[in-house]
Amino acid sequence: MCNRYVSPEAGDMERYWHVGARQPWRGAEVFPRAQGPFIRAAPEAAEPHRELVIGQWGLVPWFAKTAKLTFSTNNARFEELAQKASFKDSWAKGRRCIIPANSFDEPNWESGKNIWWRFRRVDGSPWGLAGLWNTWVDRTTGEVVESYTMLTLNADACALMSRMHKPDPKLPADQQDKRSVVPIEFGDVDEWLFGTPRDAAALVRLSAPESFDARPAA
């Protein structure tokens, strides 16, 4: 799972992912329930078109009575999307998004205490992390809240990502359910945003460890 990442500047996102300049945004460290940028298929476009949106990191599901949730929705387990009430509607309706990130952080407990590691791409490009989005409307006030969640995938078999997060002493080493974010490669972005659920699901996989520049955060 991921609980903090660094987003690029608006101009960098617009140029890299070819989205129009509609949202002012200064690159910043993003935490759960804070505002952050994401890229989605424009809902009202006659033809496939990407748009940059600013919303809450922590998806507000359609059934929520308030946008201030009492439970965490910033991460969503890919293996459970079709069953989880908070996420299954967005997955079924193809509300997939790309979450731009210059880097993301994960906790490493190999020393017995939490040491934050920072993950960048070896090639210097930004990450495009897989996510889901939703637009929630307050039935009383009409307030519109855009929000998103970041997908995660089991990483027990990954030599790098399985080193992250605090181990559960009650579980075997190969059954910890260590989690990883899901990078979507640049050439697969349109397939992720505009493809069928089956097409999109085929893109959900772990990146090779050699694609990461990973080290303790300064």
N, C-alpha and C. Protein backbone atom coordinates (compact mmCIF):
# COMPACT_ATOMS: atom_id res chain seq x y z
N MET A 1 0.84 -1.19 0.00
CA MET A 1 0.00 0.00 0.00
C MET A 1 0.88 1.24 0.00
N CYS A 2 0.26 2.35 -0.22
CA CYS A 2 1.01 3.60 -0.27
C CYS A 2 0.23 4.66 0.49
N ASN A 3 0.94 5.42 1.33
CA ASN A 3 0.28 6.46 2.11
C ASN A 3 0.88 7.85 1.90
N ARG A 4 1.84 7.95 0.99
CA ARG A 4 2.32 9.28 0.61
C ARG A 4 3.11 9.17 -0.70
N TYR A 5 2.97 10.20 -1.50
CA TYR A 5 3.71 10.26 -2.76
C TYR A 5 3.89 11.73 -3.14
N VAL A 6 4.74 11.98 -4.12
CA VAL A 6 5.01 13.34 -4.59
C VAL A 6 4.47 13.49 -6.00
N SER A 7 3.55 14.42 -6.17
CA SER A 7 2.95 14.64 -7.49
C SER A 7 3.78 15.64 -8.30
N PRO A 8 3.77 15.52 -9.63
CA PRO A 8 4.48 16.49 -10.48
C PRO A 8 3.75 17.82 -10.54
N GLU A 9 4.41 18.82 -11.10
CA GLU A 9 3.78 20.10 -11.40
C GLU A 9 2.73 19.91 -12.49
N ALA A 10 1.73 20.80 -12.53
CA ALA A 10 0.66 20.69 -13.52
C ALA A 10 1.21 20.67 -14.94
N GLY A 11 2.13 21.58 -15.25
CA GLY A 11 2.67 21.65 -16.60
C GLY A 11 3.38 20.38 -17.01
N ASP A 12 4.10 19.76 -16.08
CA ASP A 12 4.80 18.51 -16.38
C ASP A 12 3.81 17.39 -16.68
N MET A 13 2.72 17.33 -15.92
CA MET A 13 1.70 16.31 -16.17
C MET A 13 1.02 16.54 -17.51
N GLU A 14 0.72 17.78 -17.80
CA GLU A 14 0.02 18.10 -19.05
C GLU A 14 0.86 17.72 -20.27
N ARG A 15 2.16 18.00 -20.19
CA ARG A 15 3.03 17.68 -21.33
C ARG A 15 3.27 16.18 -21.45
N TYR A 16 3.52 15.51 -20.33
CA TYR A 16 3.88 14.10 -20.38
C TYR A 16 2.69 13.22 -20.79
N TRP A 17 1.52 13.50 -20.21
CA TRP A 17 0.36 12.66 -20.49
C TRP A 17 -0.60 13.27 -21.52
N HIS A 18 -0.23 14.38 -22.10
CA HIS A 18 -1.03 15.01 -23.16
C HIS A 18 -2.45 15.32 -22.71
N VAL A 19 -2.54 16.08 -21.64
CA VAL A 19 -3.84 16.55 -21.16
C VAL A 19 -3.85 18.07 -21.21
N GLY A 20 -5.03 18.65 -21.41
CA GLY A 20 -5.15 20.10 -21.52
C GLY A 20 -4.88 20.81 -20.21
N ALA A 21 -4.49 22.06 -20.32
CA ALA A 21 -4.19 22.88 -19.14
C ALA A 21 -5.49 23.43 -18.56
N ARG A 22 -6.11 22.68 -17.66
CA ARG A 22 -7.38 23.10 -17.08
C ARG A 22 -7.31 23.31 -15.57
N GLN A 23 -6.36 22.60 -14.92
CA GLN A 23 -6.33 22.62 -13.47
C GLN A 23 -5.01 23.21 -12.96
N PRO A 24 -5.08 24.29 -12.17
CA PRO A 24 -3.85 24.80 -11.56
C PRO A 24 -3.39 23.84 -10.46
N TRP A 25 -2.10 23.50 -10.46
CA TRP A 25 -1.59 22.59 -9.44
C TRP A 25 -0.09 22.76 -9.31
N ARG A 26 0.37 22.88 -8.10
CA ARG A 26 1.80 22.92 -7.83
C ARG A 26 2.21 21.58 -7.26
N GLY A 27 3.29 21.01 -7.81
CA GLY A 27 3.75 19.72 -7.33
C GLY A 27 3.90 19.72 -5.82
N ALA A 28 3.48 18.63 -5.19
CA ALA A 28 3.48 18.58 -3.73
C ALA A 28 3.45 17.15 -3.24
N GLU A 29 3.84 16.97 -1.97
CA GLU A 29 3.69 15.68 -1.33
C GLU A 29 2.21 15.50 -0.99
N VAL A 30 1.67 14.34 -1.31
CA VAL A 30 0.24 14.09 -1.14
C VAL A 30 0.03 12.99 -0.10
N PHE A 31 -0.91 13.23 0.80
CA PHE A 31 -1.24 12.27 1.85
C PHE A 31 -2.72 11.90 1.76
N PRO A 32 -3.13 10.78 2.36
CA PRO A 32 -4.54 10.39 2.34
C PRO A 32 -5.45 11.50 2.84
N ARG A 33 -6.57 11.68 2.13
CA ARG A 33 -7.63 12.66 2.40
C ARG A 33 -7.23 14.08 2.03
N ALA A 34 -6.02 14.25 1.50
CA ALA A 34 -5.63 15.56 0.95
C ALA A 34 -6.00 15.60 -0.53
N GLN A 35 -5.87 16.77 -1.13
CA GLN A 35 -6.16 16.93 -2.55
C GLN A 35 -4.95 16.50 -3.38
N GLY A 36 -5.25 15.88 -4.51
CA GLY A 36 -4.20 15.46 -5.43
C GLY A 36 -4.74 15.36 -6.84
N PRO A 37 -3.87 15.35 -7.86
CA PRO A 37 -4.30 15.28 -9.25
C PRO A 37 -4.40 13.84 -9.76
N PHE A 38 -5.34 13.61 -10.65
CA PHE A 38 -5.42 12.33 -11.34
C PHE A 38 -5.94 12.56 -12.76
N ILE A 39 -5.65 11.62 -13.63
CA ILE A 39 -6.02 11.70 -15.05
C ILE A 39 -7.05 10.63 -15.35
N ARG A 40 -8.14 11.02 -16.00
CA ARG A 40 -9.20 10.07 -16.31
C ARG A 40 -9.72 10.31 -17.72
N ALA A 41 -10.56 9.41 -18.18
CA ALA A 41 -11.28 9.63 -19.42
C ALA A 41 -12.36 10.66 -19.15
N ALA A 42 -12.40 11.72 -19.95
CA ALA A 42 -13.41 12.76 -19.75
C ALA A 42 -14.80 12.17 -19.87
N PRO A 43 -15.63 12.25 -18.82
CA PRO A 43 -16.93 11.57 -18.83
C PRO A 43 -17.89 12.05 -19.93
N GLU A 44 -17.84 13.32 -20.28
CA GLU A 44 -18.82 13.86 -21.22
C GLU A 44 -18.29 13.99 -22.64
N ALA A 45 -17.07 13.54 -22.91
CA ALA A 45 -16.47 13.72 -24.22
C ALA A 45 -17.12 12.79 -25.25
N ALA A 46 -17.35 13.31 -26.47
CA ALA A 46 -17.93 12.50 -27.54
C ALA A 46 -16.95 11.44 -28.02
N GLU A 47 -15.66 11.74 -27.95
CA GLU A 47 -14.61 10.80 -28.33
C GLU A 47 -13.64 10.66 -27.16
N PRO A 48 -12.88 9.56 -27.13
CA PRO A 48 -11.94 9.35 -26.03
C PRO A 48 -11.01 10.55 -25.82
N HIS A 49 -11.01 11.06 -24.62
CA HIS A 49 -10.24 12.27 -24.32
C HIS A 49 -9.81 12.22 -22.87
N ARG A 50 -8.54 12.54 -22.60
CA ARG A 50 -8.02 12.55 -21.24
C ARG A 50 -8.26 13.91 -20.59
N GLU A 51 -8.52 13.91 -19.30
CA GLU A 51 -8.61 15.17 -18.56
C GLU A 51 -7.93 15.04 -17.22
N LEU A 52 -7.36 16.15 -16.76
CA LEU A 52 -6.70 16.22 -15.47
C LEU A 52 -7.66 16.79 -14.44
N VAL A 53 -7.80 16.10 -13.33
CA VAL A 53 -8.78 16.47 -12.30
C VAL A 53 -8.05 16.56 -10.95
N ILE A 54 -8.48 17.48 -10.12
CA ILE A 54 -7.99 17.56 -8.74
C ILE A 54 -9.08 17.04 -7.82
N GLY A 55 -8.73 16.08 -6.98
CA GLY A 55 -9.73 15.50 -6.09
C GLY A 55 -9.10 14.97 -4.82
N GLN A 56 -9.94 14.41 -3.98
CA GLN A 56 -9.49 13.89 -2.68
C GLN A 56 -8.88 12.51 -2.85
N TRP A 57 -7.69 12.32 -2.25
CA TRP A 57 -7.11 10.98 -2.24
C TRP A 57 -7.76 10.18 -1.13
N GLY A 58 -8.71 9.39 -1.51
CA GLY A 58 -9.56 8.62 -0.61
C GLY A 58 -10.93 8.61 -1.24
N LEU A 59 -11.25 7.56 -1.98
CA LEU A 59 -12.47 7.53 -2.78
C LEU A 59 -13.73 7.61 -1.93
N VAL A 60 -14.63 8.50 -2.28
CA VAL A 60 -15.93 8.62 -1.61
C VAL A 60 -16.94 7.82 -2.43
N PRO A 61 -17.42 6.69 -1.94
CA PRO A 61 -18.33 5.85 -2.72
C PRO A 61 -19.71 6.48 -2.85
N TRP A 62 -20.46 6.00 -3.81
CA TRP A 62 -21.77 6.58 -4.13
C TRP A 62 -22.73 6.54 -2.94
N PHE A 63 -22.59 5.52 -2.07
CA PHE A 63 -23.55 5.35 -0.98
C PHE A 63 -23.20 6.16 0.27
N ALA A 64 -22.06 6.86 0.26
CA ALA A 64 -21.64 7.62 1.44
C ALA A 64 -22.63 8.74 1.74
N LYS A 65 -22.92 8.95 3.00
CA LYS A 65 -23.81 10.04 3.41
C LYS A 65 -23.06 11.35 3.62
N THR A 66 -21.73 11.25 3.74
CA THR A 66 -20.88 12.42 3.89
C THR A 66 -19.55 12.13 3.22
N ALA A 67 -18.88 13.19 2.77
CA ALA A 67 -17.57 13.01 2.14
C ALA A 67 -16.49 12.74 3.17
N LYS A 68 -16.77 12.99 4.45
CA LYS A 68 -15.80 12.74 5.52
C LYS A 68 -16.01 11.32 6.04
N LEU A 69 -15.28 10.38 5.46
CA LEU A 69 -15.47 8.97 5.78
C LEU A 69 -14.80 8.59 7.09
N THR A 70 -15.33 7.58 7.74
CA THR A 70 -14.76 7.08 8.98
C THR A 70 -13.84 5.89 8.72
N PHE A 71 -13.66 5.50 7.45
CA PHE A 71 -12.81 4.38 7.09
C PHE A 71 -11.90 4.80 5.95
N SER A 72 -10.81 4.06 5.77
CA SER A 72 -9.78 4.43 4.78
C SER A 72 -10.12 3.88 3.40
N THR A 73 -10.02 4.74 2.38
CA THR A 73 -10.25 4.30 1.01
C THR A 73 -9.17 4.83 0.06
N ASN A 74 -8.00 5.17 0.60
CA ASN A 74 -6.95 5.69 -0.29
C ASN A 74 -6.27 4.58 -1.09
N ASN A 75 -6.32 3.34 -0.58
CA ASN A 75 -5.80 2.18 -1.30
C ASN A 75 -6.91 1.17 -1.51
N ALA A 76 -6.86 0.46 -2.67
CA ALA A 76 -7.85 -0.56 -2.99
C ALA A 76 -7.14 -1.80 -3.49
N ARG A 77 -7.40 -2.93 -2.85
CA ARG A 77 -6.79 -4.19 -3.28
C ARG A 77 -7.41 -4.63 -4.60
N PHE A 78 -6.57 -4.79 -5.61
CA PHE A 78 -7.08 -5.17 -6.93
C PHE A 78 -7.84 -6.49 -6.88
N GLU A 79 -7.33 -7.44 -6.10
CA GLU A 79 -7.95 -8.76 -6.05
C GLU A 79 -9.36 -8.74 -5.49
N GLU A 80 -9.75 -7.64 -4.83
CA GLU A 80 -11.06 -7.57 -4.16
C GLU A 80 -11.99 -6.51 -4.75
N LEU A 81 -11.59 -5.90 -5.87
CA LEU A 81 -12.38 -4.78 -6.41
C LEU A 81 -13.83 -5.17 -6.70
N ALA A 82 -14.04 -6.35 -7.25
CA ALA A 82 -15.39 -6.75 -7.65
C ALA A 82 -16.30 -7.04 -6.46
N GLN A 83 -15.71 -7.20 -5.26
CA GLN A 83 -16.52 -7.52 -4.08
C GLN A 83 -16.64 -6.36 -3.09
N LYS A 84 -15.67 -5.47 -3.05
CA LYS A 84 -15.67 -4.41 -2.05
C LYS A 84 -16.70 -3.33 -2.38
N ALA A 85 -17.59 -3.07 -1.45
CA ALA A 85 -18.67 -2.11 -1.69
C ALA A 85 -18.16 -0.74 -2.10
N SER A 86 -17.05 -0.30 -1.52
CA SER A 86 -16.56 1.05 -1.78
C SER A 86 -16.02 1.22 -3.20
N PHE A 87 -15.58 0.11 -3.82
CA PHE A 87 -14.87 0.21 -5.08
C PHE A 87 -15.53 -0.49 -6.27
N LYS A 88 -16.42 -1.43 -6.01
CA LYS A 88 -16.92 -2.26 -7.11
C LYS A 88 -17.73 -1.47 -8.14
N ASP A 89 -18.41 -0.41 -7.72
CA ASP A 89 -19.18 0.39 -8.66
C ASP A 89 -18.26 1.12 -9.63
N SER A 90 -17.19 1.72 -9.12
CA SER A 90 -16.24 2.41 -9.98
C SER A 90 -15.54 1.45 -10.93
N TRP A 91 -15.18 0.27 -10.45
CA TRP A 91 -14.53 -0.71 -11.32
C TRP A 91 -15.49 -1.19 -12.41
N ALA A 92 -16.71 -1.51 -12.03
CA ALA A 92 -17.68 -2.03 -12.99
C ALA A 92 -18.02 -1.00 -14.07
N LYS A 93 -18.00 0.29 -13.71
CA LYS A 93 -18.35 1.34 -14.65
C LYS A 93 -17.13 1.94 -15.37
N GLY A 94 -15.99 1.31 -15.22
CA GLY A 94 -14.81 1.74 -15.95
C GLY A 94 -14.24 3.07 -15.52
N ARG A 95 -14.43 3.44 -14.27
CA ARG A 95 -13.90 4.72 -13.78
C ARG A 95 -12.45 4.53 -13.30
N ARG A 96 -11.60 4.28 -14.26
CA ARG A 96 -10.19 4.05 -13.98
C ARG A 96 -9.41 5.35 -14.21
N CYS A 97 -8.32 5.51 -13.48
CA CYS A 97 -7.54 6.73 -13.63
C CYS A 97 -6.06 6.44 -13.50
N ILE A 98 -5.27 7.42 -13.89
CA ILE A 98 -3.82 7.41 -13.72
C ILE A 98 -3.47 8.44 -12.65
N ILE A 99 -2.68 8.04 -11.68
CA ILE A 99 -2.24 8.94 -10.62
C ILE A 99 -0.78 9.29 -10.88
N PRO A 100 -0.49 10.51 -11.32
CA PRO A 100 0.90 10.89 -11.60
C PRO A 100 1.71 11.03 -10.31
N ALA A 101 2.93 10.51 -10.33
CA ALA A 101 3.79 10.60 -9.15
C ALA A 101 5.25 10.66 -9.58
N ASN A 102 5.97 11.65 -9.09
CA ASN A 102 7.41 11.67 -9.30
C ASN A 102 8.08 10.57 -8.49
N SER A 103 7.51 10.29 -7.32
CA SER A 103 8.01 9.24 -6.45
C SER A 103 6.92 8.84 -5.48
N PHE A 104 7.08 7.68 -4.86
CA PHE A 104 6.19 7.28 -3.77
C PHE A 104 7.05 6.66 -2.67
N ASP A 105 6.51 6.66 -1.45
CA ASP A 105 7.27 6.17 -0.29
C ASP A 105 6.62 4.93 0.30
N GLU A 106 7.47 4.04 0.80
CA GLU A 106 7.00 2.84 1.49
C GLU A 106 7.85 2.62 2.74
N PRO A 107 7.26 2.06 3.81
CA PRO A 107 8.02 1.81 5.03
C PRO A 107 8.78 0.49 4.99
N ASN A 108 10.04 0.52 5.40
CA ASN A 108 10.88 -0.68 5.48
C ASN A 108 11.19 -0.95 6.95
N TRP A 109 10.86 -2.17 7.41
CA TRP A 109 11.02 -2.52 8.81
C TRP A 109 12.13 -3.54 9.04
N GLU A 110 13.04 -3.71 8.10
CA GLU A 110 14.08 -4.73 8.23
C GLU A 110 15.00 -4.47 9.41
N SER A 111 15.14 -3.22 9.81
CA SER A 111 16.00 -2.87 10.94
C SER A 111 15.29 -3.00 12.29
N GLY A 112 13.98 -3.29 12.24
CA GLY A 112 13.19 -3.36 13.47
C GLY A 112 12.43 -2.09 13.75
N LYS A 113 12.68 -1.05 12.95
CA LYS A 113 11.91 0.18 13.06
C LYS A 113 11.63 0.71 11.65
N ASN A 114 10.71 1.62 11.54
CA ASN A 114 10.28 2.11 10.23
C ASN A 114 11.32 3.05 9.63
N ILE A 115 11.86 2.65 8.48
CA ILE A 115 12.72 3.51 7.68
C ILE A 115 12.01 3.74 6.35
N TRP A 116 11.64 4.99 6.07
CA TRP A 116 10.93 5.28 4.83
C TRP A 116 11.88 5.16 3.64
N TRP A 117 11.42 4.43 2.62
CA TRP A 117 12.14 4.31 1.36
C TRP A 117 11.39 5.10 0.29
N ARG A 118 12.14 5.69 -0.60
CA ARG A 118 11.55 6.46 -1.70
C ARG A 118 11.78 5.72 -3.02
N PHE A 119 10.72 5.62 -3.82
CA PHE A 119 10.75 4.87 -5.07
C PHE A 119 10.58 5.82 -6.25
N ARG A 120 11.59 5.89 -7.10
CA ARG A 120 11.53 6.63 -8.36
C ARG A 120 11.75 5.65 -9.50
N ARG A 121 11.51 6.12 -10.73
CA ARG A 121 11.81 5.31 -11.90
C ARG A 121 13.29 5.48 -12.26
N VAL A 122 13.91 4.39 -12.68
CA VAL A 122 15.30 4.45 -13.09
C VAL A 122 15.49 5.39 -14.27
N ASP A 123 14.51 5.43 -15.18
CA ASP A 123 14.65 6.26 -16.38
C ASP A 123 14.34 7.73 -16.14
N GLY A 124 13.96 8.10 -14.92
CA GLY A 124 13.70 9.50 -14.58
C GLY A 124 12.31 9.99 -14.93
N SER A 125 11.51 9.18 -15.59
CA SER A 125 10.13 9.57 -15.93
C SER A 125 9.24 9.49 -14.69
N PRO A 126 8.09 10.16 -14.72
CA PRO A 126 7.16 10.03 -13.60
C PRO A 126 6.43 8.69 -13.64
N TRP A 127 5.97 8.26 -12.51
CA TRP A 127 5.10 7.09 -12.44
C TRP A 127 3.69 7.47 -12.89
N GLY A 128 3.00 6.54 -13.52
CA GLY A 128 1.57 6.65 -13.76
C GLY A 128 0.91 5.50 -13.02
N LEU A 129 0.44 5.72 -11.81
CA LEU A 129 -0.06 4.65 -10.96
C LEU A 129 -1.54 4.40 -11.20
N ALA A 130 -1.93 3.14 -11.19
CA ALA A 130 -3.31 2.75 -11.47
C ALA A 130 -4.24 3.14 -10.32
N GLY A 131 -5.39 3.70 -10.68
CA GLY A 131 -6.37 4.07 -9.66
C GLY A 131 -7.79 4.00 -10.18
N LEU A 132 -8.73 4.24 -9.30
CA LEU A 132 -10.16 4.37 -9.62
C LEU A 132 -10.63 5.72 -9.11
N TRP A 133 -11.68 6.25 -9.73
CA TRP A 133 -12.21 7.54 -9.28
C TRP A 133 -13.72 7.47 -9.13
N ASN A 134 -14.27 8.47 -8.46
CA ASN A 134 -15.72 8.61 -8.35
C ASN A 134 -16.06 10.08 -8.16
N THR A 135 -17.24 10.46 -8.63
CA THR A 135 -17.79 11.80 -8.38
C THR A 135 -18.98 11.63 -7.44
N TRP A 136 -18.87 12.20 -6.26
CA TRP A 136 -19.92 12.08 -5.25
C TRP A 136 -20.64 13.41 -5.11
N VAL A 137 -21.96 13.35 -5.01
CA VAL A 137 -22.76 14.57 -4.89
C VAL A 137 -23.57 14.51 -3.60
N ASP A 138 -23.44 15.55 -2.79
CA ASP A 138 -24.21 15.66 -1.55
C ASP A 138 -25.67 15.95 -1.91
N ARG A 139 -26.56 15.06 -1.55
CA ARG A 139 -27.97 15.20 -1.94
C ARG A 139 -28.66 16.38 -1.25
N THR A 140 -28.07 16.84 -0.15
CA THR A 140 -28.66 17.96 0.59
C THR A 140 -28.19 19.31 0.08
N THR A 141 -26.88 19.43 -0.12
CA THR A 141 -26.31 20.73 -0.49
C THR A 141 -25.95 20.85 -1.96
N GLY A 142 -25.86 19.71 -2.67
CA GLY A 142 -25.43 19.74 -4.06
C GLY A 142 -23.93 19.80 -4.24
N GLU A 143 -23.17 19.75 -3.14
CA GLU A 143 -21.71 19.78 -3.21
C GLU A 143 -21.21 18.61 -4.04
N VAL A 144 -20.26 18.88 -4.94
CA VAL A 144 -19.66 17.84 -5.79
C VAL A 144 -18.24 17.57 -5.29
N VAL A 145 -17.94 16.31 -5.03
CA VAL A 145 -16.62 15.93 -4.54
C VAL A 145 -16.02 14.90 -5.50
N GLU A 146 -14.90 15.26 -6.11
CA GLU A 146 -14.13 14.31 -6.92
C GLU A 146 -13.16 13.59 -6.00
N SER A 147 -12.98 12.29 -6.20
CA SER A 147 -12.07 11.54 -5.34
C SER A 147 -11.49 10.35 -6.09
N TYR A 148 -10.44 9.78 -5.53
CA TYR A 148 -9.78 8.66 -6.19
C TYR A 148 -9.11 7.75 -5.18
N THR A 149 -8.81 6.53 -5.61
CA THR A 149 -8.09 5.57 -4.80
C THR A 149 -6.96 4.97 -5.62
N MET A 150 -5.92 4.49 -4.97
CA MET A 150 -4.76 3.91 -5.62
C MET A 150 -4.82 2.39 -5.49
N LEU A 151 -4.68 1.67 -6.61
CA LEU A 151 -4.75 0.21 -6.57
C LEU A 151 -3.46 -0.39 -6.02
N THR A 152 -3.61 -1.52 -5.34
CA THR A 152 -2.45 -2.28 -4.86
C THR A 152 -2.60 -3.73 -5.26
N LEU A 153 -1.46 -4.43 -5.30
CA LEU A 153 -1.42 -5.82 -5.73
C LEU A 153 -0.49 -6.58 -4.79
N ASN A 154 -0.80 -7.86 -4.56
CA ASN A 154 0.05 -8.67 -3.70
C ASN A 154 1.47 -8.71 -4.26
N ALA A 155 2.47 -8.49 -3.39
CA ALA A 155 3.87 -8.44 -3.82
C ALA A 155 4.75 -9.38 -3.02
N ASP A 156 4.18 -10.44 -2.46
CA ASP A 156 4.97 -11.37 -1.66
C ASP A 156 6.10 -12.01 -2.46
N ALA A 157 5.89 -12.17 -3.78
CA ALA A 157 6.90 -12.82 -4.62
C ALA A 157 7.90 -11.84 -5.23
N CYS A 158 7.75 -10.56 -4.95
CA CYS A 158 8.63 -9.54 -5.52
C CYS A 158 9.83 -9.33 -4.58
N ALA A 159 11.03 -9.49 -5.12
CA ALA A 159 12.23 -9.40 -4.29
C ALA A 159 12.38 -8.04 -3.62
N LEU A 160 11.92 -6.98 -4.28
CA LEU A 160 12.04 -5.63 -3.72
C LEU A 160 10.85 -5.26 -2.85
N MET A 161 9.64 -5.31 -3.42
CA MET A 161 8.47 -4.81 -2.70
C MET A 161 8.09 -5.67 -1.49
N SER A 162 8.49 -6.94 -1.49
CA SER A 162 8.19 -7.79 -0.33
C SER A 162 9.01 -7.40 0.89
N ARG A 163 10.02 -6.54 0.70
CA ARG A 163 10.83 -6.05 1.82
C ARG A 163 10.16 -4.89 2.54
N MET A 164 9.12 -4.33 1.95
CA MET A 164 8.47 -3.16 2.53
C MET A 164 7.35 -3.58 3.50
N HIS A 165 7.00 -2.67 4.39
CA HIS A 165 5.91 -2.82 5.35
C HIS A 165 6.30 -3.73 6.51
N LYS A 166 5.64 -3.52 7.60
CA LYS A 166 5.92 -4.28 8.82
C LYS A 166 5.39 -5.70 8.70
N PRO A 167 6.22 -6.71 8.92
CA PRO A 167 5.75 -8.09 8.78
C PRO A 167 4.78 -8.47 9.89
N ASP A 168 3.87 -9.36 9.56
CA ASP A 168 2.93 -9.90 10.54
C ASP A 168 3.54 -11.16 11.13
N PRO A 169 3.89 -11.16 12.41
CA PRO A 169 4.56 -12.32 13.01
C PRO A 169 3.68 -13.57 13.05
N LYS A 170 2.40 -13.42 12.84
CA LYS A 170 1.48 -14.56 12.89
C LYS A 170 1.41 -15.30 11.56
N LEU A 171 2.02 -14.73 10.51
CA LEU A 171 1.91 -15.31 9.16
C LEU A 171 3.27 -15.78 8.67
N PRO A 172 3.30 -16.86 7.84
CA PRO A 172 4.56 -17.31 7.24
C PRO A 172 5.16 -16.22 6.35
N ALA A 173 6.46 -16.29 6.13
CA ALA A 173 7.16 -15.27 5.36
C ALA A 173 6.63 -15.14 3.94
N ASP A 174 6.14 -16.25 3.35
CA ASP A 174 5.66 -16.22 1.97
C ASP A 174 4.16 -15.98 1.88
N GLN A 175 3.52 -15.62 3.00
CA GLN A 175 2.09 -15.36 3.00
C GLN A 175 1.76 -14.08 3.76
N GLN A 176 2.60 -13.09 3.61
CA GLN A 176 2.44 -11.84 4.35
C GLN A 176 1.42 -10.90 3.71
N ASP A 177 1.12 -11.09 2.46
CA ASP A 177 0.28 -10.16 1.67
C ASP A 177 0.87 -8.76 1.71
N LYS A 178 2.18 -8.69 1.44
CA LYS A 178 2.81 -7.38 1.23
C LYS A 178 2.21 -6.79 -0.04
N ARG A 179 2.01 -5.46 -0.06
CA ARG A 179 1.31 -4.84 -1.17
C ARG A 179 2.23 -3.91 -1.96
N SER A 180 1.92 -3.76 -3.24
CA SER A 180 2.64 -2.82 -4.09
C SER A 180 1.64 -2.01 -4.89
N VAL A 181 2.00 -0.76 -5.19
CA VAL A 181 1.22 0.03 -6.15
C VAL A 181 1.36 -0.62 -7.52
N VAL A 182 0.54 -0.18 -8.47
CA VAL A 182 0.51 -0.79 -9.81
C VAL A 182 0.86 0.27 -10.85
N PRO A 183 2.09 0.32 -11.34
CA PRO A 183 2.44 1.28 -12.39
C PRO A 183 1.84 0.87 -13.73
N ILE A 184 1.29 1.85 -14.44
CA ILE A 184 0.80 1.64 -15.80
C ILE A 184 1.81 2.30 -16.74
N GLU A 185 2.39 1.52 -17.64
CA GLU A 185 3.40 2.06 -18.54
C GLU A 185 2.79 3.09 -19.48
N PHE A 186 3.60 4.03 -19.93
CA PHE A 186 3.12 5.13 -20.75
C PHE A 186 2.35 4.64 -21.97
N GLY A 187 2.84 3.61 -22.64
CA GLY A 187 2.18 3.10 -23.84
C GLY A 187 0.87 2.38 -23.57
N ASP A 188 0.58 2.10 -22.31
CA ASP A 188 -0.66 1.39 -21.96
C ASP A 188 -1.73 2.30 -21.36
N VAL A 189 -1.46 3.59 -21.30
CA VAL A 189 -2.39 4.52 -20.62
C VAL A 189 -3.77 4.51 -21.27
N ASP A 190 -3.84 4.61 -22.58
CA ASP A 190 -5.16 4.63 -23.23
C ASP A 190 -5.91 3.32 -23.02
N GLU A 191 -5.19 2.21 -23.03
CA GLU A 191 -5.83 0.92 -22.79
C GLU A 191 -6.42 0.89 -21.38
N TRP A 192 -5.69 1.47 -20.42
CA TRP A 192 -6.18 1.50 -19.05
C TRP A 192 -7.39 2.43 -18.91
N LEU A 193 -7.34 3.59 -19.54
CA LEU A 193 -8.42 4.56 -19.39
C LEU A 193 -9.65 4.23 -20.22
N PHE A 194 -9.45 3.73 -21.43
CA PHE A 194 -10.57 3.58 -22.37
C PHE A 194 -10.91 2.13 -22.71
N GLY A 195 -10.09 1.18 -22.30
CA GLY A 195 -10.32 -0.22 -22.65
C GLY A 195 -11.43 -0.87 -21.84
N THR A 196 -11.71 -2.12 -22.17
CA THR A 196 -12.70 -2.89 -21.43
C THR A 196 -12.13 -3.30 -20.08
N PRO A 197 -12.98 -3.71 -19.14
CA PRO A 197 -12.45 -4.19 -17.85
C PRO A 197 -11.47 -5.34 -18.03
N ARG A 198 -11.73 -6.22 -18.98
CA ARG A 198 -10.80 -7.33 -19.22
C ARG A 198 -9.45 -6.81 -19.71
N ASP A 199 -9.48 -5.86 -20.64
CA ASP A 199 -8.24 -5.28 -21.15
C ASP A 199 -7.46 -4.60 -20.01
N ALA A 200 -8.19 -3.85 -19.19
CA ALA A 200 -7.54 -3.14 -18.09
C ALA A 200 -6.95 -4.11 -17.07
N ALA A 201 -7.69 -5.17 -16.76
CA ALA A 201 -7.21 -6.13 -15.76
C ALA A 201 -5.91 -6.78 -16.21
N ALA A 202 -5.73 -6.94 -17.52
CA ALA A 202 -4.50 -7.56 -18.03
C ALA A 202 -3.28 -6.68 -17.81
N LEU A 203 -3.48 -5.39 -17.53
CA LEU A 203 -2.37 -4.47 -17.30
C LEU A 203 -1.95 -4.41 -15.84
N VAL A 204 -2.72 -5.03 -14.97
CA VAL A 204 -2.43 -4.97 -13.54
C VAL A 204 -1.38 -6.03 -13.21
N ARG A 205 -0.16 -5.57 -13.08
CA ARG A 205 0.97 -6.45 -12.78
C ARG A 205 2.05 -5.63 -12.10
N LEU A 206 2.98 -6.32 -11.47
CA LEU A 206 4.08 -5.65 -10.79
C LEU A 206 5.16 -5.28 -11.80
N SER A 207 5.81 -4.16 -11.57
CA SER A 207 6.94 -3.78 -12.40
C SER A 207 8.18 -4.56 -11.97
N ALA A 208 9.10 -4.78 -12.91
CA ALA A 208 10.34 -5.49 -12.60
C ALA A 208 11.15 -4.67 -11.60
N PRO A 209 11.79 -5.32 -10.62
CA PRO A 209 12.57 -4.58 -9.62
C PRO A 209 13.62 -3.66 -10.22
N GLU A 210 14.18 -4.03 -11.38
CA GLU A 210 15.22 -3.20 -11.98
C GLU A 210 14.68 -1.89 -12.54
N SER A 211 13.36 -1.73 -12.63
CA SER A 211 12.79 -0.47 -13.10
C SER A 211 12.73 0.58 -11.99
N PHE A 212 12.98 0.15 -10.74
CA PHE A 212 12.90 1.05 -9.59
C PHE A 212 14.25 1.61 -9.19
N ASP A 213 14.27 2.88 -8.90
CA ASP A 213 15.38 3.49 -8.17
C ASP A 213 14.87 3.63 -6.74
N ALA A 214 15.21 2.67 -5.89
CA ALA A 214 14.65 2.60 -4.53
C ALA A 214 15.77 2.68 -3.50
N ARG A 215 15.57 3.56 -2.53
CA ARG A 215 16.58 3.75 -1.49
C ARG A 215 15.94 4.48 -0.30
N PRO A 216 16.57 4.44 0.85
CA PRO A 216 16.03 5.18 2.00
C PRO A 216 15.87 6.66 1.66
N ALA A 217 14.75 7.23 2.06
CA ALA A 217 14.49 8.64 1.79
C ALA A 217 15.47 9.50 2.58
N ALA A 218 15.93 10.56 1.95
CA ALA A 218 16.88 11.44 2.62
C ALA A 218 16.20 12.21 3.73
